Amino acid sequence: MDLLLRIDQRLGHALASPGSAQAAPRIVGAFCEALGWACGSFWTRDASEADRLACLGAWGVEAPGIAEYLQHTHGRRPILNRAGVVGAAWLSAAPVWVPDITQDENFRRVPIALRAGLRSTLAFPVAVGSQVLGALELHSAAAQPRDESLLAGLPLLGGQIGQFLLRAQALAQLAESEKRVRSLTALSSDWFWEQDARLHFVRFEGHGTGRSGSELARTVIGHCTWEVQGLVPVSQAWDDHRAQLDRREPFRDFECVLRTDAGEMVHLCLHGDPIHDADGQFRGYRGTARDTTLHKQATQRIQYLSTHDELTGLPNRAALRQLVNQAIELAKRYERCFAILMLNIDRFRRMNDGLGRDGGDALLRELAQRLRKQLRASDVVARLDGDEFAVLAHELPQAQQAEPVAHKLLQAVAEPLQLQGREYRLSACVGIATYPRDAIDERALLQQAGLALRAAKRQGMGTVRSCESVAAGT
């Protein structure tokens, strides 16, 4: 099996497994097991000192000296610009390969590494776009010469891990935000309000997320909740809420959205209790309101990051897998055919090096728009990694109809491109797998499309290969 494909499969399982706290050892283990290497560690910035690194987790085989070496590594907190091969990979945003640690001055743990039987080291950054989020350091017990194909694939694999880290960080921030909100809510609320016996707002005071009560008071005073212009219920229909008020019941967590005159969407969560006088007569309602806009935005951001590529806005690999599974179910039910087309830009790495990260990012965004414009509304284009895209072409009359789609995509890629004051002309290769001819499940379809793409790249630039042509040897 192709080495990069083997690493990608193991990494996919590591990232999909539950428990983000144990993700670092799983990620390191995925690389070491696929490569047959002895151990490794995952480095990130130290939470308390930004100029230092900290070991997030490590993995190693059971062998003399390995546990001691990893324990020593886990206790280190090196300054970034003095962190040896890890620091070099981080600061250069590029992999660093050390075939023999005894011959490299950047590797500063030679004695303890030799006692553990280690000879070679590879470090590479975990990055999303130009943002380096961490670095992996892997060790082999044997001297390992440079593997150029592995080095070429590491930025894509590092990008997958980077997207995972961003999602994990967003989830952690959301959890911390929820904890903070629960704590503060026990002490105070954003706003206090009162309604009279006719359920008209007569008071709305306080401050919430930078909005004064007087701002919202101008909108709500003198109106019932359901009469406020621009206010839409979310958690409960107006009729149900009014029935609850008519029964003079307390209510909690009534969620609604207010569209302000400026077009801003304010998410509110209201709590209320009925007011009765000394004679038991109903006098209205009194309660609190919280501005949950930031919380809602954070939740939406997490949902977006879990299914989209941040750079291009296209669906990501996880979303594509879900869409392919849905397409399979529809194709089974209606006896239809569809295709997966994987597209890779020729010589992208060389061009990206010349353009720089910002230029390379602009190129990828432009390509994403071009590919999207060539497809029907029902089709989907996703960005998998780096310069690799995938297209899900629905409802093809027959499998052979996928090739015209591929050539249409190549024509879009070949259109002249203006970047940084220069004109560029690109080409790409495409690999095609169709359902049900080439495979009948999601994993096999994507794998077959990937194999067809590799065959196309071996044949030459601007090539289209289908699984059928690869199998036939044509």
Protein backbone atom coordinates (compact mmCIF):
# COMPACT_ATOMS: atom_id res chain seq x y z
CA MET A 1 0.00 0.00 0.00
CA ASP A 2 1.25 3.51 -0.77
CA LEU A 3 3.01 4.94 2.32
CA LEU A 4 1.15 8.27 2.30
CA LEU A 5 -2.18 6.48 1.88
CA ARG A 6 -1.33 4.20 4.82
CA ILE A 7 -0.45 7.21 7.00
CA ASP A 8 -3.61 9.04 5.87
CA GLN A 9 -5.83 6.10 6.82
CA ARG A 10 -4.24 5.68 10.27
CA LEU A 11 -4.36 9.43 10.85
CA GLY A 12 -8.04 9.52 9.87
CA HIS A 13 -8.84 6.88 12.49
CA ALA A 14 -6.80 8.77 15.11
CA LEU A 15 -8.61 12.05 14.45
CA ALA A 16 -12.04 10.40 14.33
CA SER A 17 -11.64 8.54 17.64
CA PRO A 18 -13.45 10.04 20.66
CA GLY A 19 -11.56 11.90 23.36
CA SER A 20 -9.63 14.96 22.17
CA ALA A 21 -7.48 14.88 25.34
CA GLN A 22 -5.79 11.69 24.06
CA ALA A 23 -5.56 12.86 20.45
CA ALA A 24 -1.85 13.81 20.58
CA PRO A 25 -0.54 10.29 21.43
CA ARG A 26 -2.95 8.79 18.86
CA ILE A 27 -1.70 11.15 16.14
CA VAL A 28 1.97 10.44 16.90
CA GLY A 29 1.24 6.72 17.08
CA ALA A 30 -0.49 6.81 13.68
CA PHE A 31 2.67 8.16 12.02
CA CYS A 32 5.10 5.91 13.89
CA GLU A 33 3.10 2.73 13.23
CA ALA A 34 2.67 3.54 9.53
CA LEU A 35 6.38 4.37 9.14
CA GLY A 36 7.64 1.59 11.41
CA TRP A 37 9.45 4.14 13.62
CA ALA A 38 10.09 3.88 17.36
CA CYS A 39 8.56 6.92 19.05
CA GLY A 40 7.60 10.56 18.77
CA SER A 41 6.07 13.58 20.45
CA PHE A 42 3.60 16.36 19.68
CA TRP A 43 4.67 19.94 20.54
CA THR A 44 2.59 23.10 20.98
CA ARG A 45 3.17 26.51 22.50
CA ASP A 46 3.32 26.52 26.28
CA ALA A 47 0.04 27.86 27.69
CA SER A 48 1.80 30.03 30.29
CA GLU A 49 4.84 31.23 28.29
CA ALA A 50 4.24 31.85 24.59
CA ASP A 51 7.96 31.82 23.68
CA ARG A 52 8.35 28.25 24.97
CA LEU A 53 7.14 24.89 23.69
CA ALA A 54 5.45 22.13 25.67
CA CYS A 55 4.98 18.45 24.87
CA LEU A 56 1.26 17.82 24.36
CA GLY A 57 1.64 14.04 24.21
CA ALA A 58 3.95 11.23 23.15
CA TRP A 59 3.90 7.65 21.87
CA GLY A 60 6.54 4.93 21.76
CA VAL A 61 7.10 1.23 21.28
CA GLU A 62 8.00 -0.97 24.23
CA ALA A 63 11.77 -1.11 24.00
CA PRO A 64 14.70 -0.41 26.37
CA GLY A 65 15.28 3.30 26.91
CA ILE A 66 12.22 4.54 24.98
CA ALA A 67 10.09 5.25 28.06
CA GLU A 68 13.01 7.08 29.73
CA TYR A 69 13.58 9.16 26.59
CA LEU A 70 9.90 10.12 26.28
CA GLN A 71 9.69 10.96 29.99
CA HIS A 72 12.71 13.23 29.58
CA THR A 73 11.11 14.82 26.49
CA HIS A 74 7.77 15.36 28.22
CA GLY A 75 9.43 17.33 31.01
CA ARG A 76 11.20 19.79 28.69
CA ARG A 77 9.90 23.31 27.96
CA PRO A 78 12.44 24.65 25.45
CA ILE A 79 12.45 28.22 24.15
CA LEU A 80 11.12 28.16 20.58
CA ASN A 81 14.23 29.52 18.87
CA ARG A 82 16.42 27.08 20.84
CA ALA A 83 14.23 24.00 20.44
CA GLY A 84 16.51 22.12 18.04
CA VAL A 85 14.90 20.34 15.10
CA VAL A 86 11.39 21.03 16.43
CA GLY A 87 12.09 24.75 16.64
CA ALA A 88 13.69 24.72 13.18
CA ALA A 89 10.62 23.02 11.67
CA TRP A 90 8.28 25.42 13.49
CA LEU A 91 10.11 28.63 12.54
CA SER A 92 10.74 27.60 8.92
CA ALA A 93 7.22 26.14 8.52
CA ALA A 94 8.87 23.23 6.71
CA PRO A 95 9.89 19.64 7.56
CA VAL A 96 13.39 18.99 8.96
CA TRP A 97 14.91 15.53 8.33
CA VAL A 98 17.98 14.38 10.30
CA PRO A 99 19.26 11.06 8.85
CA ASP A 100 21.86 10.68 11.64
CA ILE A 101 21.39 12.56 14.93
CA THR A 102 25.08 12.20 15.82
CA GLN A 103 25.99 14.31 12.80
CA ASP A 104 23.52 17.18 13.32
CA GLU A 105 24.22 20.04 15.73
CA ASN A 106 20.52 20.97 15.92
CA PHE A 107 19.70 17.74 17.75
CA ARG A 108 20.64 18.37 21.40
CA ARG A 109 19.57 15.15 23.11
CA VAL A 110 22.09 12.81 21.49
CA PRO A 111 23.28 10.89 24.62
CA ILE A 112 19.84 9.95 25.95
CA ALA A 113 18.56 9.31 22.40
CA LEU A 114 21.43 6.91 21.72
CA ARG A 115 20.73 5.08 24.99
CA ALA A 116 17.18 4.58 23.67
CA GLY A 117 18.59 3.20 20.41
CA LEU A 118 17.44 6.13 18.25
CA ARG A 119 19.34 7.25 15.13
CA SER A 120 17.11 9.38 12.85
CA THR A 121 14.68 12.24 13.48
CA LEU A 122 11.97 13.93 11.43
CA ALA A 123 10.14 17.07 12.57
CA PHE A 124 7.40 18.85 10.66
CA PRO A 125 4.96 21.70 11.39
CA VAL A 126 1.23 21.38 11.98
CA ALA A 127 -0.20 24.42 10.20
CA VAL A 128 -3.39 25.86 8.72
CA GLY A 129 -2.51 28.36 6.02
CA SER A 130 0.31 30.49 7.40
CA GLN A 131 -0.55 29.76 11.06
CA VAL A 132 1.70 27.17 12.73
CA LEU A 133 -0.20 25.49 15.56
CA GLY A 134 2.25 22.78 16.56
CA ALA A 135 4.94 20.37 15.41
CA LEU A 136 5.48 16.61 15.37
CA GLU A 137 8.87 15.06 16.13
CA LEU A 138 9.34 11.41 15.10
CA HIS A 139 12.31 9.11 15.80
CA SER A 140 13.57 5.96 14.10
CA ALA A 141 15.84 3.29 15.54
CA ALA A 142 17.53 2.94 12.15
CA ALA A 143 19.33 5.55 10.09
CA GLN A 144 16.73 6.79 7.62
CA PRO A 145 17.69 8.52 4.35
CA ARG A 146 15.48 11.39 3.18
CA ASP A 147 12.23 10.29 1.56
CA GLU A 148 11.24 13.08 -0.83
CA SER A 149 7.75 11.71 -1.52
CA LEU A 150 7.04 11.56 2.22
CA LEU A 151 8.37 15.11 2.71
CA ALA A 152 6.14 16.34 -0.12
CA GLY A 153 3.04 14.86 1.54
CA LEU A 154 3.71 16.10 5.09
CA PRO A 155 2.23 19.63 4.59
CA LEU A 156 -1.11 18.06 3.62
CA LEU A 157 -1.08 15.69 6.59
CA GLY A 158 -0.03 18.52 8.90
CA GLY A 159 -2.94 20.58 7.55
CA GLN A 160 -5.41 17.82 8.51
CA ILE A 161 -4.06 17.82 12.06
CA GLY A 162 -4.17 21.63 12.12
CA GLN A 163 -7.87 21.69 11.19
CA PHE A 164 -8.50 19.16 13.96
CA LEU A 165 -6.65 21.37 16.47
CA LEU A 166 -8.67 24.44 15.44
CA ARG A 167 -11.92 22.57 15.98
CA ALA A 168 -10.69 21.22 19.34
CA GLN A 169 -9.67 24.72 20.43
CA ALA A 170 -13.03 26.13 19.37
CA LEU A 171 -14.85 23.41 21.34
CA ALA A 172 -12.69 24.10 24.40
CA GLN A 173 -13.37 27.83 24.12
CA LEU A 174 -17.10 27.16 23.83
CA ALA A 175 -17.04 24.88 26.88
CA GLU A 176 -15.16 27.55 28.85
CA SER A 177 -17.61 30.20 27.62
CA GLU A 178 -20.57 28.09 28.75
CA LYS A 179 -18.95 27.54 32.15
CA ARG A 180 -18.32 31.27 32.53
CA VAL A 181 -21.87 32.16 31.49
CA ARG A 182 -23.36 29.69 33.97
CA SER A 183 -21.19 31.11 36.74
CA LEU A 184 -21.98 34.74 35.98
CA THR A 185 -25.68 34.08 35.46
CA ALA A 186 -25.87 32.82 39.03
CA LEU A 187 -24.65 36.26 40.17
CA SER A 188 -26.31 38.62 37.72
CA SER A 189 -28.12 38.95 34.41
CA ASP A 190 -27.68 41.21 31.40
CA TRP A 191 -31.04 42.95 31.70
CA PHE A 192 -34.02 43.21 34.04
CA TRP A 193 -37.53 43.78 32.71
CA GLU A 194 -41.14 44.13 33.88
CA GLN A 195 -44.53 43.83 32.18
CA ASP A 196 -47.88 45.16 33.41
CA ALA A 197 -51.12 43.20 33.72
CA ARG A 198 -51.73 43.63 29.96
CA LEU A 199 -48.29 42.04 29.36
CA HIS A 200 -46.86 45.28 27.96
CA PHE A 201 -43.20 45.98 28.75
CA VAL A 202 -42.95 48.90 31.20
CA ARG A 203 -39.31 48.52 32.21
CA PHE A 204 -36.13 47.27 30.53
CA GLU A 205 -32.83 48.12 32.23
CA GLY A 206 -29.22 46.95 32.40
CA HIS A 207 -26.32 46.26 30.06
CA GLY A 208 -25.63 43.17 27.99
CA THR A 209 -22.67 42.61 25.67
CA GLY A 210 -22.20 46.34 25.12
CA ARG A 211 -25.90 47.09 24.53
CA SER A 212 -27.64 49.39 27.02
CA GLY A 213 -31.11 48.64 28.30
CA SER A 214 -32.24 52.02 26.99
CA GLU A 215 -31.44 50.91 23.41
CA LEU A 216 -33.68 47.87 23.64
CA ALA A 217 -36.22 49.70 25.79
CA ARG A 218 -37.01 52.01 22.87
CA THR A 219 -37.93 48.90 20.87
CA VAL A 220 -39.95 46.96 23.45
CA ILE A 221 -41.55 49.45 25.89
CA GLY A 222 -45.32 49.64 25.44
CA HIS A 223 -45.53 46.36 23.51
CA CYS A 224 -46.28 42.75 24.33
CA THR A 225 -43.44 40.37 23.54
CA TRP A 226 -45.11 39.09 20.36
CA GLU A 227 -45.82 42.67 19.19
CA VAL A 228 -42.18 43.80 19.24
CA GLN A 229 -41.12 44.57 15.67
CA GLY A 230 -38.35 42.28 14.44
CA LEU A 231 -38.63 39.82 17.37
CA VAL A 232 -38.93 36.16 16.29
CA PRO A 233 -39.36 33.20 18.69
CA VAL A 234 -36.90 30.30 18.44
CA SER A 235 -37.53 27.84 21.27
CA GLN A 236 -41.34 28.11 21.38
CA ALA A 237 -44.14 29.33 19.08
CA TRP A 238 -45.88 32.60 20.02
CA ASP A 239 -49.22 30.83 20.59
CA ASP A 240 -47.64 28.38 23.04
CA HIS A 241 -45.83 31.18 24.87
CA ARG A 242 -49.00 33.30 25.12
CA ALA A 243 -50.94 30.31 26.48
CA GLN A 244 -48.27 29.87 29.15
CA LEU A 245 -48.57 33.54 30.13
CA ASP A 246 -52.38 33.33 30.18
CA ARG A 247 -52.02 30.50 32.71
CA ARG A 248 -49.75 32.84 34.75
CA GLU A 249 -46.96 30.29 34.76
CA PRO A 250 -43.28 31.10 35.26
CA PHE A 251 -41.11 30.45 32.20
CA ARG A 252 -37.43 29.75 31.65
CA ASP A 253 -35.09 29.82 28.64
CA PHE A 254 -37.50 31.42 26.19
CA GLU A 255 -35.19 32.04 23.22
CA CYS A 256 -35.86 34.62 20.52
CA VAL A 257 -33.99 36.73 17.97
CA LEU A 258 -34.36 40.50 17.61
CA ARG A 259 -33.47 42.17 14.32
CA THR A 260 -32.47 45.75 15.15
CA ASP A 261 -33.01 48.81 12.94
CA ALA A 262 -29.33 48.54 11.96
CA GLY A 263 -29.92 45.00 10.69
CA GLU A 264 -28.05 43.35 13.57
CA MET A 265 -29.33 40.02 14.89
CA VAL A 266 -29.48 39.92 18.72
CA HIS A 267 -30.12 36.52 20.32
CA LEU A 268 -32.01 36.77 23.64
CA CYS A 269 -32.87 34.26 26.35
CA LEU A 270 -35.68 35.36 28.70
CA HIS A 271 -36.78 34.12 32.12
CA GLY A 272 -39.94 35.41 33.81
CA ASP A 273 -42.13 35.01 36.90
CA PRO A 274 -45.70 36.28 37.42
CA ILE A 275 -46.27 39.18 39.86
CA HIS A 276 -49.22 39.14 42.29
CA ASP A 277 -50.17 41.81 44.82
CA ALA A 278 -51.08 41.25 48.47
CA ASP A 279 -54.63 40.34 47.48
CA GLY A 280 -53.46 37.76 44.98
CA GLN A 281 -54.33 39.89 41.95
CA PHE A 282 -52.16 39.39 38.86
CA ARG A 283 -50.07 42.52 38.18
CA GLY A 284 -47.80 41.38 35.35
CA TYR A 285 -44.46 39.66 34.90
CA ARG A 286 -40.93 40.38 36.08
CA GLY A 287 -37.79 38.72 34.79
CA THR A 288 -34.32 38.80 33.27
CA ALA A 289 -32.92 38.62 29.76
CA ARG A 290 -29.50 37.47 28.58
CA ASP A 291 -27.74 38.31 25.34
CA THR A 292 -26.63 34.94 23.93
CA THR A 293 -25.44 36.31 20.57
CA LEU A 294 -21.74 35.54 21.12
CA HIS A 295 -22.55 32.03 22.31
CA LYS A 296 -24.71 31.39 19.24
CA GLN A 297 -22.00 32.75 16.95
CA ALA A 298 -19.39 30.50 18.59
CA THR A 299 -21.66 27.47 18.15
CA GLN A 300 -22.27 28.31 14.49
CA ARG A 301 -18.52 28.81 13.98
CA ILE A 302 -17.76 25.37 15.40
CA GLN A 303 -20.41 23.77 13.21
CA TYR A 304 -18.95 25.55 10.18
CA LEU A 305 -15.34 24.54 10.94
CA SER A 306 -16.36 20.91 11.37
CA THR A 307 -17.69 20.72 7.79
CA HIS A 308 -15.86 23.42 5.80
CA ASP A 309 -12.36 24.37 4.72
CA GLU A 310 -11.57 27.72 6.32
CA LEU A 311 -9.45 29.04 3.43
CA THR A 312 -11.80 28.42 0.49
CA GLY A 313 -15.18 28.03 2.19
CA LEU A 314 -15.65 24.70 0.41
CA PRO A 315 -16.88 21.55 2.17
CA ASN A 316 -13.99 19.63 3.74
CA ARG A 317 -13.13 15.92 3.71
CA ALA A 318 -15.48 15.10 6.60
CA ALA A 319 -18.40 16.82 4.84
CA LEU A 320 -17.58 15.10 1.55
CA ARG A 321 -17.69 11.69 3.22
CA GLN A 322 -21.15 12.44 4.59
CA LEU A 323 -22.34 13.65 1.17
CA VAL A 324 -20.95 10.57 -0.57
CA ASN A 325 -22.78 8.30 1.87
CA GLN A 326 -26.00 10.21 1.18
CA ALA A 327 -25.40 9.91 -2.57
CA ILE A 328 -24.93 6.15 -2.21
CA GLU A 329 -28.28 5.79 -0.44
CA LEU A 330 -30.06 7.81 -3.14
CA ALA A 331 -28.29 5.93 -5.92
CA LYS A 332 -29.33 2.59 -4.41
CA ARG A 333 -32.95 3.68 -4.09
CA TYR A 334 -33.28 5.12 -7.60
CA GLU A 335 -30.66 2.97 -9.38
CA ARG A 336 -28.55 5.95 -10.34
CA CYS A 337 -24.90 6.50 -11.16
CA PHE A 338 -22.61 9.18 -9.74
CA ALA A 339 -18.88 9.93 -9.79
CA ILE A 340 -16.09 11.14 -7.55
CA LEU A 341 -13.47 13.21 -9.39
CA MET A 342 -10.24 14.00 -7.53
CA LEU A 343 -8.22 16.90 -8.93
CA ASN A 344 -4.64 17.88 -8.12
CA ILE A 345 -2.78 20.95 -9.45
CA ASP A 346 0.42 20.13 -11.35
CA ARG A 347 3.64 21.52 -9.83
CA PHE A 348 1.68 23.41 -7.19
CA ARG A 349 4.41 23.13 -4.58
CA ARG A 350 6.95 24.89 -6.81
CA MET A 351 4.46 27.64 -7.65
CA ASN A 352 3.44 28.01 -4.01
CA ASP A 353 7.08 28.44 -2.99
CA GLY A 354 7.45 31.22 -5.56
CA LEU A 355 4.22 33.01 -4.64
CA GLY A 356 4.60 32.74 -0.88
CA ARG A 357 1.85 31.68 1.49
CA ASP A 358 -0.44 34.66 0.82
CA GLY A 359 -0.13 34.24 -2.93
CA GLY A 360 -0.65 30.49 -2.68
CA ASP A 361 -3.76 31.00 -0.57
CA ALA A 362 -5.14 33.50 -3.12
CA LEU A 363 -4.50 30.98 -5.91
CA LEU A 364 -6.40 28.24 -4.06
CA ARG A 365 -9.35 30.55 -3.41
CA GLU A 366 -9.50 31.48 -7.11
CA LEU A 367 -9.35 27.83 -8.17
CA ALA A 368 -12.13 26.96 -5.73
CA GLN A 369 -14.39 29.60 -7.32
CA ARG A 370 -13.56 28.43 -10.84
CA LEU A 371 -14.33 24.80 -10.08
CA ARG A 372 -17.59 25.71 -8.37
CA LYS A 373 -18.74 27.72 -11.41
CA GLN A 374 -18.28 24.72 -13.73
CA LEU A 375 -20.67 22.47 -11.83
CA ARG A 376 -24.42 22.05 -11.66
CA ALA A 377 -26.25 23.25 -8.57
CA SER A 378 -26.67 19.64 -7.43
CA ASP A 379 -22.93 18.86 -7.68
CA VAL A 380 -20.42 19.51 -4.90
CA VAL A 381 -16.76 20.56 -4.94
CA ALA A 382 -14.73 20.02 -1.76
CA ARG A 383 -11.17 20.80 -0.75
CA LEU A 384 -9.47 17.77 0.76
CA ASP A 385 -5.93 18.97 1.49
CA GLY A 386 -3.47 21.46 0.05
CA ASP A 387 -4.07 21.61 -3.71
CA GLU A 388 -6.26 18.49 -3.81
CA PHE A 389 -9.94 18.98 -4.60
CA ALA A 390 -12.78 16.51 -5.07
CA VAL A 391 -16.02 16.80 -7.02
CA LEU A 392 -19.17 14.79 -6.35
CA ALA A 393 -21.06 14.67 -9.65
CA HIS A 394 -24.62 13.46 -9.07
CA GLU A 395 -27.02 11.61 -11.38
CA LEU A 396 -24.86 10.75 -14.38
CA PRO A 397 -26.68 8.89 -17.19
CA GLN A 398 -23.74 6.49 -17.37
CA ALA A 399 -20.25 6.18 -15.89
CA GLN A 400 -18.53 7.47 -19.05
CA GLN A 401 -20.25 10.85 -18.61
CA ALA A 402 -17.81 11.70 -15.81
CA GLU A 403 -14.92 12.27 -18.24
CA PRO A 404 -16.51 15.32 -19.95
CA VAL A 405 -16.98 16.80 -16.48
CA ALA A 406 -13.27 16.22 -15.77
CA HIS A 407 -12.19 17.95 -19.00
CA LYS A 408 -14.49 20.87 -18.20
CA LEU A 409 -12.74 21.26 -14.84
CA LEU A 410 -9.31 21.12 -16.50
CA GLN A 411 -10.34 23.86 -18.94
CA ALA A 412 -11.36 26.07 -16.01
CA VAL A 413 -8.01 25.46 -14.30
CA ALA A 414 -6.13 26.26 -17.53
CA GLU A 415 -7.63 29.75 -17.90
CA PRO A 416 -4.89 32.42 -17.40
CA LEU A 417 -4.61 33.60 -13.80
CA GLN A 418 -3.40 37.05 -12.70
CA LEU A 419 -1.55 37.07 -9.37
CA GLN A 420 0.88 39.60 -7.93
CA GLY A 421 1.06 41.42 -11.26
CA ARG A 422 1.96 38.31 -13.28
CA GLU A 423 0.03 35.90 -15.47
CA TYR A 424 0.10 32.20 -14.59
CA ARG A 425 -1.13 29.22 -16.57
CA LEU A 426 -1.96 26.09 -14.61
CA SER A 427 -2.73 22.49 -15.38
CA ALA A 428 -4.08 19.65 -13.29
CA CYS A 429 -4.67 15.91 -13.23
CA VAL A 430 -7.97 14.20 -12.47
CA GLY A 431 -8.77 10.71 -11.19
CA ILE A 432 -12.31 9.33 -11.55
CA ALA A 433 -14.22 6.66 -9.64
CA THR A 434 -17.90 5.96 -10.31
CA TYR A 435 -20.66 4.30 -8.33
CA PRO A 436 -21.51 1.45 -8.64
CA ARG A 437 -19.01 0.42 -11.33
CA ASP A 438 -15.78 1.01 -9.40
CA ALA A 439 -16.88 0.72 -5.75
CA ILE A 440 -20.05 0.57 -3.67
CA ASP A 441 -19.04 2.19 -0.37
CA GLU A 442 -17.73 5.64 0.54
CA ARG A 443 -14.24 4.66 1.71
CA ALA A 444 -13.57 2.46 -1.32
CA LEU A 445 -14.88 5.12 -3.75
CA LEU A 446 -12.55 7.80 -2.36
CA GLN A 447 -9.65 5.35 -2.31
CA GLN A 448 -10.26 4.31 -5.94
CA ALA A 449 -10.50 7.95 -7.05
CA GLY A 450 -7.21 8.63 -5.26
CA LEU A 451 -5.51 5.70 -7.00
CA ALA A 452 -6.81 6.90 -10.38
CA LEU A 453 -5.44 10.38 -9.61
CA ARG A 454 -2.00 8.96 -8.83
CA ALA A 455 -2.07 7.05 -12.11
CA ALA A 456 -2.95 10.28 -13.95
CA LYS A 457 -0.06 12.16 -12.32
CA ARG A 458 2.36 9.38 -13.25
CA GLN A 459 1.22 9.64 -16.87
CA GLY A 460 1.86 13.39 -17.06
CA MET A 461 0.43 16.86 -16.56
CA GLY A 462 -3.14 17.60 -17.62
CA THR A 463 -4.13 13.91 -17.61
CA VAL A 464 -7.50 12.34 -16.80
CA ARG A 465 -7.63 8.69 -15.70
CA SER A 466 -10.61 6.63 -14.63
CA CYS A 467 -10.50 3.49 -12.50
CA GLU A 468 -11.68 1.55 -15.55
CA SER A 469 -8.76 2.75 -17.68
CA VAL A 470 -6.27 2.06 -14.88
CA ALA A 471 -7.59 -1.49 -14.45
CA ALA A 472 -7.47 -2.07 -18.21
CA GLY A 473 -3.94 -0.71 -18.42
CA THR A 474 -4.90 1.81 -21.11
